[in-house]
Amino acid sequence: MMEARREDPKSVLLMLVLLAVLAGVALVPAHWVENVALIEQHWLEAIQGRDASARLRDQAARWRRELFADSGTGAASPDVTLGPWMQERIAVGNRMGALIIERCALLYAWWPYLLSTWLLAASEGMFRRKIRAAAYSYDNPRAHHRARYALMGMVVMSVILLLAPLPFPAIVVPIVGLLLARLFSTAITRRQLHS
């Protein structure tokens, strides 16, 4: 008898994200991606300032060169001729890839602050948990599960927003980071111990 094959949820999620990126490359007009890039650049300069924005773009350009140009993966074969639609799709894919790398550079710039916030949230959650245990105040496990599922949902939505060809405001990074830290703290505080 054959046993039914069960897919790993992480691999299914990864395949859905890759499918969404490919669908975006196939369906998004070229002018849309350029407009998104201009809007993001304007928002980044308005929130971070011109100097920080220029440093982030330089970091993203350096990463792009290291990933694609220097490694040879971005080079096209000169003897292959493609139709105009396919050339436009390749240009859209390259621009979306550049946008994703710029967004990753923004996350990298915020990483030390977000890490310290998450570490403080984890320690706060552990302290609140100890205080609750000392006072014999035990919670319903639903609060832990709600916080955990909200945390996972926020992470999934953040990844989708990171990869989507939609304008990505720079102010989203610290706000989502603080929300994730709060949910993480709540999930630690309300975690049920198994005996």
C-alpha atoms as a PDB file:
ATOM      1  CA  MET A   1       0.000   0.000   0.000  1.00  0.00           C
ATOM      2  CA  MET A   2       1.281   3.442  -0.870  1.00  0.00           C
ATOM      3  CA  GLU A   3       1.306   6.038   1.795  1.00  0.00           C
ATOM      4  CA  ALA A   4      -0.021   9.517   0.982  1.00  0.00           C
ATOM      5  CA  ARG A   5       2.737  12.069   0.563  1.00  0.00           C
ATOM      6  CA  ARG A   6       2.429  15.066   2.835  1.00  0.00           C
ATOM      7  CA  GLU A   7       4.092  18.312   1.739  1.00  0.00           C
ATOM      8  CA  ASP A   8       6.112  20.415   4.135  1.00  0.00           C
ATOM      9  CA  PRO A   9       4.285  23.742   4.733  1.00  0.00           C
ATOM     10  CA  LYS A  10       7.539  25.688   4.395  1.00  0.00           C
ATOM     11  CA  SER A  11       8.268  24.252   0.973  1.00  0.00           C
ATOM     12  CA  VAL A  12       4.685  24.945  -0.132  1.00  0.00           C
ATOM     13  CA  LEU A  13       5.030  28.548   1.084  1.00  0.00           C
ATOM     14  CA  LEU A  14       8.344  28.926  -0.733  1.00  0.00           C
ATOM     15  CA  MET A  15       6.819  27.591  -3.948  1.00  0.00           C
ATOM     16  CA  LEU A  16       3.878  30.007  -3.616  1.00  0.00           C
ATOM     17  CA  VAL A  17       6.265  32.937  -3.114  1.00  0.00           C
ATOM     18  CA  LEU A  18       8.306  31.925  -6.175  1.00  0.00           C
ATOM     19  CA  LEU A  19       5.105  31.520  -8.179  1.00  0.00           C
ATOM     20  CA  ALA A  20       3.975  34.997  -7.093  1.00  0.00           C
ATOM     21  CA  VAL A  21       7.310  36.503  -8.153  1.00  0.00           C
ATOM     22  CA  LEU A  22       7.126  34.769 -11.527  1.00  0.00           C
ATOM     23  CA  ALA A  23       3.504  35.887 -11.973  1.00  0.00           C
ATOM     24  CA  GLY A  24       4.584  39.422 -11.118  1.00  0.00           C
ATOM     25  CA  VAL A  25       7.329  39.301 -13.718  1.00  0.00           C
ATOM     26  CA  ALA A  26       4.924  37.943 -16.316  1.00  0.00           C
ATOM     27  CA  LEU A  27       2.011  40.300 -15.623  1.00  0.00           C
ATOM     28  CA  VAL A  28       3.383  43.603 -14.329  1.00  0.00           C
ATOM     29  CA  PRO A  29       3.926  46.339 -16.925  1.00  0.00           C
ATOM     30  CA  ALA A  30       7.419  47.809 -17.146  1.00  0.00           C
ATOM     31  CA  HIS A  31       6.285  51.357 -16.367  1.00  0.00           C
ATOM     32  CA  TRP A  32       4.639  50.119 -13.148  1.00  0.00           C
ATOM     33  CA  VAL A  33       7.917  48.816 -11.745  1.00  0.00           C
ATOM     34  CA  GLU A  34       9.690  52.070 -12.645  1.00  0.00           C
ATOM     35  CA  ASN A  35       6.962  54.104 -10.916  1.00  0.00           C
ATOM     36  CA  VAL A  36       7.246  51.912  -7.813  1.00  0.00           C
ATOM     37  CA  ALA A  37      11.013  52.447  -7.791  1.00  0.00           C
ATOM     38  CA  LEU A  38      10.591  56.238  -8.042  1.00  0.00           C
ATOM     39  CA  ILE A  39       7.965  56.297  -5.260  1.00  0.00           C
ATOM     40  CA  GLU A  40      10.165  54.185  -2.979  1.00  0.00           C
ATOM     41  CA  GLN A  41      13.166  56.409  -3.650  1.00  0.00           C
ATOM     42  CA  HIS A  42      11.118  59.511  -2.793  1.00  0.00           C
ATOM     43  CA  TRP A  43       9.777  57.936   0.423  1.00  0.00           C
ATOM     44  CA  LEU A  44      13.233  56.743   1.446  1.00  0.00           C
ATOM     45  CA  GLU A  45      14.717  60.212   0.956  1.00  0.00           C
ATOM     46  CA  ALA A  46      11.830  61.803   2.856  1.00  0.00           C
ATOM     47  CA  ILE A  47      12.167  59.467   5.842  1.00  0.00           C
ATOM     48  CA  GLN A  48      15.880  58.581   5.980  1.00  0.00           C
ATOM     49  CA  GLY A  49      17.373  61.680   4.357  1.00  0.00           C
ATOM     50  CA  ARG A  50      19.418  62.069   1.175  1.00  0.00           C
ATOM     51  CA  ASP A  51      22.715  60.831   2.609  1.00  0.00           C
ATOM     52  CA  ALA A  52      21.280  57.658   4.164  1.00  0.00           C
ATOM     53  CA  SER A  53      19.236  57.017   1.030  1.00  0.00           C
ATOM     54  CA  ALA A  54      22.351  57.340  -1.143  1.00  0.00           C
ATOM     55  CA  ARG A  55      24.289  54.974   1.150  1.00  0.00           C
ATOM     56  CA  LEU A  56      21.476  52.403   0.986  1.00  0.00           C
ATOM     57  CA  ARG A  57      21.335  52.611  -2.808  1.00  0.00           C
ATOM     58  CA  ASP A  58      25.133  52.248  -2.983  1.00  0.00           C
ATOM     59  CA  GLN A  59      24.964  49.177  -0.723  1.00  0.00           C
ATOM     60  CA  ALA A  60      22.220  47.674  -2.905  1.00  0.00           C
ATOM     61  CA  ALA A  61      24.214  48.401  -6.080  1.00  0.00           C
ATOM     62  CA  ARG A  62      27.281  46.739  -4.564  1.00  0.00           C
ATOM     63  CA  TRP A  63      25.218  43.657  -3.622  1.00  0.00           C
ATOM     64  CA  ARG A  64      23.718  43.538  -7.130  1.00  0.00           C
ATOM     65  CA  ARG A  65      27.186  43.632  -8.687  1.00  0.00           C
ATOM     66  CA  GLU A  66      28.437  40.906  -6.366  1.00  0.00           C
ATOM     67  CA  LEU A  67      25.393  38.704  -6.956  1.00  0.00           C
ATOM     68  CA  PHE A  68      24.933  39.081 -10.688  1.00  0.00           C
ATOM     69  CA  ALA A  69      27.595  40.985 -12.608  1.00  0.00           C
ATOM     70  CA  ASP A  70      30.716  39.677 -10.876  1.00  0.00           C
ATOM     71  CA  SER A  71      29.470  36.089 -10.689  1.00  0.00           C
ATOM     72  CA  GLY A  72      28.489  35.923 -14.362  1.00  0.00           C
ATOM     73  CA  THR A  73      24.893  34.896 -13.634  1.00  0.00           C
ATOM     74  CA  GLY A  74      23.493  38.140 -15.025  1.00  0.00           C
ATOM     75  CA  ALA A  75      25.272  37.950 -18.363  1.00  0.00           C
ATOM     76  CA  ALA A  76      23.135  37.036 -21.358  1.00  0.00           C
ATOM     77  CA  SER A  77      24.360  35.044 -24.293  1.00  0.00           C
ATOM     78  CA  PRO A  78      25.015  37.401 -27.246  1.00  0.00           C
ATOM     79  CA  ASP A  79      23.867  34.905 -29.884  1.00  0.00           C
ATOM     80  CA  VAL A  80      20.343  34.472 -28.467  1.00  0.00           C
ATOM     81  CA  THR A  81      17.683  36.752 -29.958  1.00  0.00           C
ATOM     82  CA  LEU A  82      14.510  37.267 -27.986  1.00  0.00           C
ATOM     83  CA  GLY A  83      11.247  38.871 -28.926  1.00  0.00           C
ATOM     84  CA  PRO A  84      10.302  42.318 -27.618  1.00  0.00           C
ATOM     85  CA  TRP A  85       7.849  40.905 -25.054  1.00  0.00           C
ATOM     86  CA  MET A  86      10.481  38.589 -23.617  1.00  0.00           C
ATOM     87  CA  GLN A  87      13.068  41.370 -23.502  1.00  0.00           C
ATOM     88  CA  GLU A  88      10.582  43.547 -21.634  1.00  0.00           C
ATOM     89  CA  ARG A  89       9.866  40.699 -19.173  1.00  0.00           C
ATOM     90  CA  ILE A  90      13.588  40.254 -18.548  1.00  0.00           C
ATOM     91  CA  ALA A  91      13.908  44.004 -17.924  1.00  0.00           C
ATOM     92  CA  VAL A  92      10.947  43.862 -15.487  1.00  0.00           C
ATOM     93  CA  GLY A  93      12.503  40.870 -13.720  1.00  0.00           C
ATOM     94  CA  ASN A  94      15.847  42.657 -13.426  1.00  0.00           C
ATOM     95  CA  ARG A  95      14.203  45.807 -12.064  1.00  0.00           C
ATOM     96  CA  MET A  96      12.083  43.825  -9.592  1.00  0.00           C
ATOM     97  CA  GLY A  97      15.234  42.010  -8.483  1.00  0.00           C
ATOM     98  CA  ALA A  98      16.949  45.366  -7.992  1.00  0.00           C
ATOM     99  CA  LEU A  99      13.966  46.583  -5.925  1.00  0.00           C
ATOM    100  CA  ILE A 100      14.097  43.471  -3.746  1.00  0.00           C
ATOM    101  CA  ILE A 101      17.830  43.945  -3.187  1.00  0.00           C
ATOM    102  CA  GLU A 102      17.253  47.620  -2.265  1.00  0.00           C
ATOM    103  CA  ARG A 103      14.591  46.537   0.226  1.00  0.00           C
ATOM    104  CA  CYS A 104      16.988  43.965   1.682  1.00  0.00           C
ATOM    105  CA  ALA A 105      19.585  46.748   2.059  1.00  0.00           C
ATOM    106  CA  LEU A 106      16.987  48.766   3.982  1.00  0.00           C
ATOM    107  CA  LEU A 107      16.321  45.788   6.256  1.00  0.00           C
ATOM    108  CA  TYR A 108      20.070  45.331   6.702  1.00  0.00           C
ATOM    109  CA  ALA A 109      20.381  48.975   7.756  1.00  0.00           C
ATOM    110  CA  TRP A 110      17.663  48.515  10.403  1.00  0.00           C
ATOM    111  CA  TRP A 111      18.920  45.105  11.556  1.00  0.00           C
ATOM    112  CA  PRO A 112      20.934  46.183  14.674  1.00  0.00           C
ATOM    113  CA  TYR A 113      18.006  48.201  16.019  1.00  0.00           C
ATOM    114  CA  LEU A 114      15.476  45.474  15.300  1.00  0.00           C
ATOM    115  CA  LEU A 115      17.679  42.804  16.882  1.00  0.00           C
ATOM    116  CA  SER A 116      18.084  44.812  20.079  1.00  0.00           C
ATOM    117  CA  THR A 117      14.326  45.417  20.169  1.00  0.00           C
ATOM    118  CA  TRP A 118      13.591  41.707  19.734  1.00  0.00           C
ATOM    119  CA  LEU A 119      16.126  40.737  22.422  1.00  0.00           C
ATOM    120  CA  LEU A 120      14.566  43.228  24.827  1.00  0.00           C
ATOM    121  CA  ALA A 121      11.088  41.937  23.955  1.00  0.00           C
ATOM    122  CA  ALA A 122      12.186  38.347  24.592  1.00  0.00           C
ATOM    123  CA  SER A 123      13.691  39.237  27.972  1.00  0.00           C
ATOM    124  CA  GLU A 124      10.573  41.212  28.873  1.00  0.00           C
ATOM    125  CA  GLY A 125       8.415  38.248  27.937  1.00  0.00           C
ATOM    126  CA  MET A 126      10.512  35.920  30.093  1.00  0.00           C
ATOM    127  CA  PHE A 127      10.371  38.334  33.046  1.00  0.00           C
ATOM    128  CA  ARG A 128       6.615  38.722  32.722  1.00  0.00           C
ATOM    129  CA  ARG A 129       6.315  34.939  32.544  1.00  0.00           C
ATOM    130  CA  LYS A 130       8.324  34.509  35.779  1.00  0.00           C
ATOM    131  CA  ILE A 131       6.234  37.157  37.530  1.00  0.00           C
ATOM    132  CA  ARG A 132       3.014  35.446  36.433  1.00  0.00           C
ATOM    133  CA  ALA A 133       4.314  32.062  37.592  1.00  0.00           C
ATOM    134  CA  ALA A 134       5.336  33.489  40.987  1.00  0.00           C
ATOM    135  CA  ALA A 135       1.855  34.939  41.424  1.00  0.00           C
ATOM    136  CA  TYR A 136       0.207  31.640  40.322  1.00  0.00           C
ATOM    137  CA  SER A 137      -1.467  33.492  37.474  1.00  0.00           C
ATOM    138  CA  TYR A 138      -1.662  31.029  34.623  1.00  0.00           C
ATOM    139  CA  ASP A 139      -3.275  31.966  31.345  1.00  0.00           C
ATOM    140  CA  ASN A 140      -5.452  30.313  28.819  1.00  0.00           C
ATOM    141  CA  PRO A 141      -3.287  28.796  26.050  1.00  0.00           C
ATOM    142  CA  ARG A 142      -5.383  30.597  23.426  1.00  0.00           C
ATOM    143  CA  ALA A 143      -3.483  33.851  24.016  1.00  0.00           C
ATOM    144  CA  HIS A 144      -0.198  32.086  23.208  1.00  0.00           C
ATOM    145  CA  HIS A 145      -1.627  30.501  20.074  1.00  0.00           C
ATOM    146  CA  ARG A 146      -3.165  33.770  18.895  1.00  0.00           C
ATOM    147  CA  ALA A 147       0.122  35.615  19.373  1.00  0.00           C
ATOM    148  CA  ARG A 148       2.048  32.825  17.650  1.00  0.00           C
ATOM    149  CA  TYR A 149      -0.291  32.711  14.643  1.00  0.00           C
ATOM    150  CA  ALA A 150      -0.346  36.509  14.393  1.00  0.00           C
ATOM    151  CA  LEU A 151       3.470  36.463  14.509  1.00  0.00           C
ATOM    152  CA  MET A 152       3.644  33.891  11.717  1.00  0.00           C
ATOM    153  CA  GLY A 153       1.040  35.800   9.686  1.00  0.00           C
ATOM    154  CA  MET A 154       2.971  39.050  10.055  1.00  0.00           C
ATOM    155  CA  VAL A 155       6.199  37.355   8.951  1.00  0.00           C
ATOM    156  CA  VAL A 156       4.494  35.834   5.896  1.00  0.00           C
ATOM    157  CA  MET A 157       2.851  39.142   4.975  1.00  0.00           C
ATOM    158  CA  SER A 158       6.177  40.954   5.424  1.00  0.00           C
ATOM    159  CA  VAL A 159       7.904  38.550   3.036  1.00  0.00           C
ATOM    160  CA  ILE A 160       5.093  38.944   0.511  1.00  0.00           C
ATOM    161  CA  LEU A 161       5.290  42.746   0.796  1.00  0.00           C
ATOM    162  CA  LEU A 162       9.067  42.549   0.407  1.00  0.00           C
ATOM    163  CA  LEU A 163       8.685  40.640  -2.868  1.00  0.00           C
ATOM    164  CA  ALA A 164       5.576  42.368  -4.246  1.00  0.00           C
ATOM    165  CA  PRO A 165       5.843  44.998  -6.974  1.00  0.00           C
ATOM    166  CA  LEU A 166       4.066  47.502  -4.728  1.00  0.00           C
ATOM    167  CA  PRO A 167       5.542  50.620  -3.120  1.00  0.00           C
ATOM    168  CA  PHE A 168       7.358  49.677   0.101  1.00  0.00           C
ATOM    169  CA  PRO A 169       7.460  52.629   2.518  1.00  0.00           C
ATOM    170  CA  ALA A 170      10.675  52.839   4.528  1.00  0.00           C
ATOM    171  CA  ILE A 171       8.689  53.543   7.700  1.00  0.00           C
ATOM    172  CA  VAL A 172       7.157  50.050   7.479  1.00  0.00           C
ATOM    173  CA  VAL A 173      10.397  48.406   8.646  1.00  0.00           C
ATOM    174  CA  PRO A 174      10.524  49.841  12.199  1.00  0.00           C
ATOM    175  CA  ILE A 175       6.749  49.660  12.664  1.00  0.00           C
ATOM    176  CA  VAL A 176       6.531  46.010  11.639  1.00  0.00           C
ATOM    177  CA  GLY A 177       9.675  45.283  13.655  1.00  0.00           C
ATOM    178  CA  LEU A 178       8.060  46.710  16.798  1.00  0.00           C
ATOM    179  CA  LEU A 179       4.816  44.823  16.168  1.00  0.00           C
ATOM    180  CA  LEU A 180       6.734  41.584  15.678  1.00  0.00           C
ATOM    181  CA  ALA A 181       8.686  42.225  18.899  1.00  0.00           C
ATOM    182  CA  ARG A 182       5.466  42.806  20.827  1.00  0.00           C
ATOM    183  CA  LEU A 183       3.872  39.635  19.465  1.00  0.00           C
ATOM    184  CA  PHE A 184       7.060  37.699  20.242  1.00  0.00           C
ATOM    185  CA  SER A 185       7.011  38.978  23.822  1.00  0.00           C
ATOM    186  CA  THR A 186       3.354  37.998  24.223  1.00  0.00           C
ATOM    187  CA  ALA A 187       3.978  34.550  22.774  1.00  0.00           C
ATOM    188  CA  ILE A 188       6.818  33.981  25.270  1.00  0.00           C
ATOM    189  CA  THR A 189       4.804  35.312  28.210  1.00  0.00           C
ATOM    190  CA  ARG A 190       1.750  33.200  27.470  1.00  0.00           C
ATOM    191  CA  ARG A 191       3.603  30.014  26.523  1.00  0.00           C
ATOM    192  CA  GLN A 192       2.286  26.962  28.316  1.00  0.00           C
ATOM    193  CA  LEU A 193       4.698  24.635  30.054  1.00  0.00           C
ATOM    194  CA  HIS A 194       4.301  20.931  29.473  1.00  0.00           C
ATOM    195  CA  SER A 195       5.031  18.697  32.443  1.00  0.00           C
END
